[in-house]
Amino acid sequence: RGTACRAPTTEKFGKPIAGSIPTIIRAYKAAVSKKIHEVYKISHAIWQRNYYERVVRNEKELKALREYIRNNPIKWELDPENPHKKSKSE
């Protein structure tokens, strides 16, 4: 399940390829995680394990993806995987 939709790569474990998408994503997630943990003093993970990579084929798809990215954090409060999800009674 964890690797079924994973971005294909020629990277070998422990041998990142400079400038590759997996290396860039890994560095970005590490830097953001470090800053969030410093500022908010949290210890739990903040990222999903993997990510999806896709080719954006036209303006309509690009607009839909941008809207998804913009609105997705708002939905976190309702996500069943959110460890701090508020119950309906709150």
Protein backbone atom coordinates (compact mmCIF):
# COMPACT_ATOMS: atom_id res chain seq x y z
CA ARG A 1 0.00 0.00 0.00
CA GLY A 2 2.76 2.44 0.90
CA THR A 3 4.59 2.22 -2.43
CA ALA A 4 1.76 1.43 -4.89
CA CYS A 5 1.41 5.06 -6.02
CA ARG A 6 4.91 6.18 -5.24
CA ALA A 7 6.79 8.30 -7.75
CA PRO A 8 9.16 6.16 -9.82
CA THR A 9 12.81 6.92 -9.32
CA THR A 10 16.22 5.48 -10.09
CA GLU A 11 17.53 6.55 -6.70
CA LYS A 12 19.11 3.87 -4.54
CA PHE A 13 18.62 3.83 -0.77
CA GLY A 14 21.17 6.15 0.81
CA LYS A 15 22.30 7.51 -2.59
CA PRO A 16 20.10 10.50 -3.47
CA ILE A 17 20.43 12.07 -6.90
CA ALA A 18 21.02 15.82 -6.63
CA GLY A 19 18.19 17.81 -8.21
CA SER A 20 15.84 14.83 -8.55
CA ILE A 21 12.22 15.28 -7.52
CA PRO A 22 12.50 12.76 -4.62
CA THR A 23 15.61 14.54 -3.30
CA ILE A 24 13.98 17.98 -3.56
CA ILE A 25 10.77 16.77 -1.88
CA ARG A 26 12.74 15.03 0.89
CA ALA A 27 14.81 18.17 1.59
CA TYR A 28 11.72 20.41 1.57
CA LYS A 29 9.78 18.13 3.94
CA ALA A 30 12.78 17.89 6.29
CA ALA A 31 13.29 21.66 6.43
CA VAL A 32 9.60 22.43 6.95
CA SER A 33 9.26 19.67 9.58
CA LYS A 34 12.25 20.99 11.51
CA LYS A 35 10.88 24.54 11.55
CA ILE A 36 7.35 23.46 12.54
CA HIS A 37 8.70 21.28 15.35
CA GLU A 38 10.85 24.16 16.63
CA VAL A 39 8.10 26.78 16.47
CA TYR A 40 5.10 24.72 17.62
CA LYS A 41 6.92 22.25 19.90
CA ILE A 42 5.12 19.23 18.47
CA SER A 43 6.58 15.75 18.21
CA HIS A 44 4.19 13.95 15.86
CA ALA A 45 4.71 13.55 12.12
CA ILE A 46 3.26 16.29 9.94
CA TRP A 47 3.59 14.71 6.49
CA GLN A 48 2.10 11.68 4.84
CA ARG A 49 4.77 9.13 4.02
CA ASN A 50 4.66 9.37 0.22
CA TYR A 51 3.44 11.76 -2.42
CA TYR A 52 1.83 11.52 -5.83
CA GLU A 53 3.46 12.79 -8.97
CA ARG A 54 1.46 13.54 -12.09
CA VAL A 55 1.74 15.39 -15.36
CA VAL A 56 -0.59 18.37 -15.59
CA ARG A 57 -1.97 18.21 -19.09
CA ASN A 58 -3.96 21.43 -19.46
CA GLU A 59 -5.16 24.64 -17.80
CA LYS A 60 -8.34 22.99 -16.48
CA GLU A 61 -6.31 20.34 -14.60
CA LEU A 62 -3.90 22.99 -13.33
CA LYS A 63 -6.77 25.11 -11.99
CA ALA A 64 -8.32 22.07 -10.25
CA LEU A 65 -4.98 21.09 -8.68
CA ARG A 66 -4.32 24.61 -7.45
CA GLU A 67 -7.78 24.73 -5.88
CA TYR A 68 -7.19 21.35 -4.21
CA ILE A 69 -3.84 22.51 -2.80
CA ARG A 70 -5.32 25.79 -1.56
CA ASN A 71 -8.37 24.18 0.10
CA ASN A 72 -6.91 20.93 1.40
CA PRO A 73 -5.45 22.31 4.69
CA ILE A 74 -8.87 23.66 5.61
CA LYS A 75 -10.26 20.11 5.48
CA TRP A 76 -7.70 18.80 8.02
CA GLU A 77 -9.97 19.64 10.97
CA LEU A 78 -12.48 17.11 9.64
CA ASP A 79 -10.00 14.41 8.56
CA PRO A 80 -10.38 11.09 10.46
CA GLU A 81 -6.56 10.77 10.52
CA ASN A 82 -6.17 14.10 12.35
CA PRO A 83 -5.03 13.19 15.88
CA HIS A 84 -6.45 16.50 17.17
CA LYS A 85 -9.80 16.27 15.36
CA LYS A 86 -12.55 18.03 17.26
CA SER A 87 -15.61 15.99 18.06
CA LYS A 88 -19.04 17.20 16.99
CA SER A 89 -19.86 18.08 20.61
CA GLU A 90 -17.00 20.63 20.83
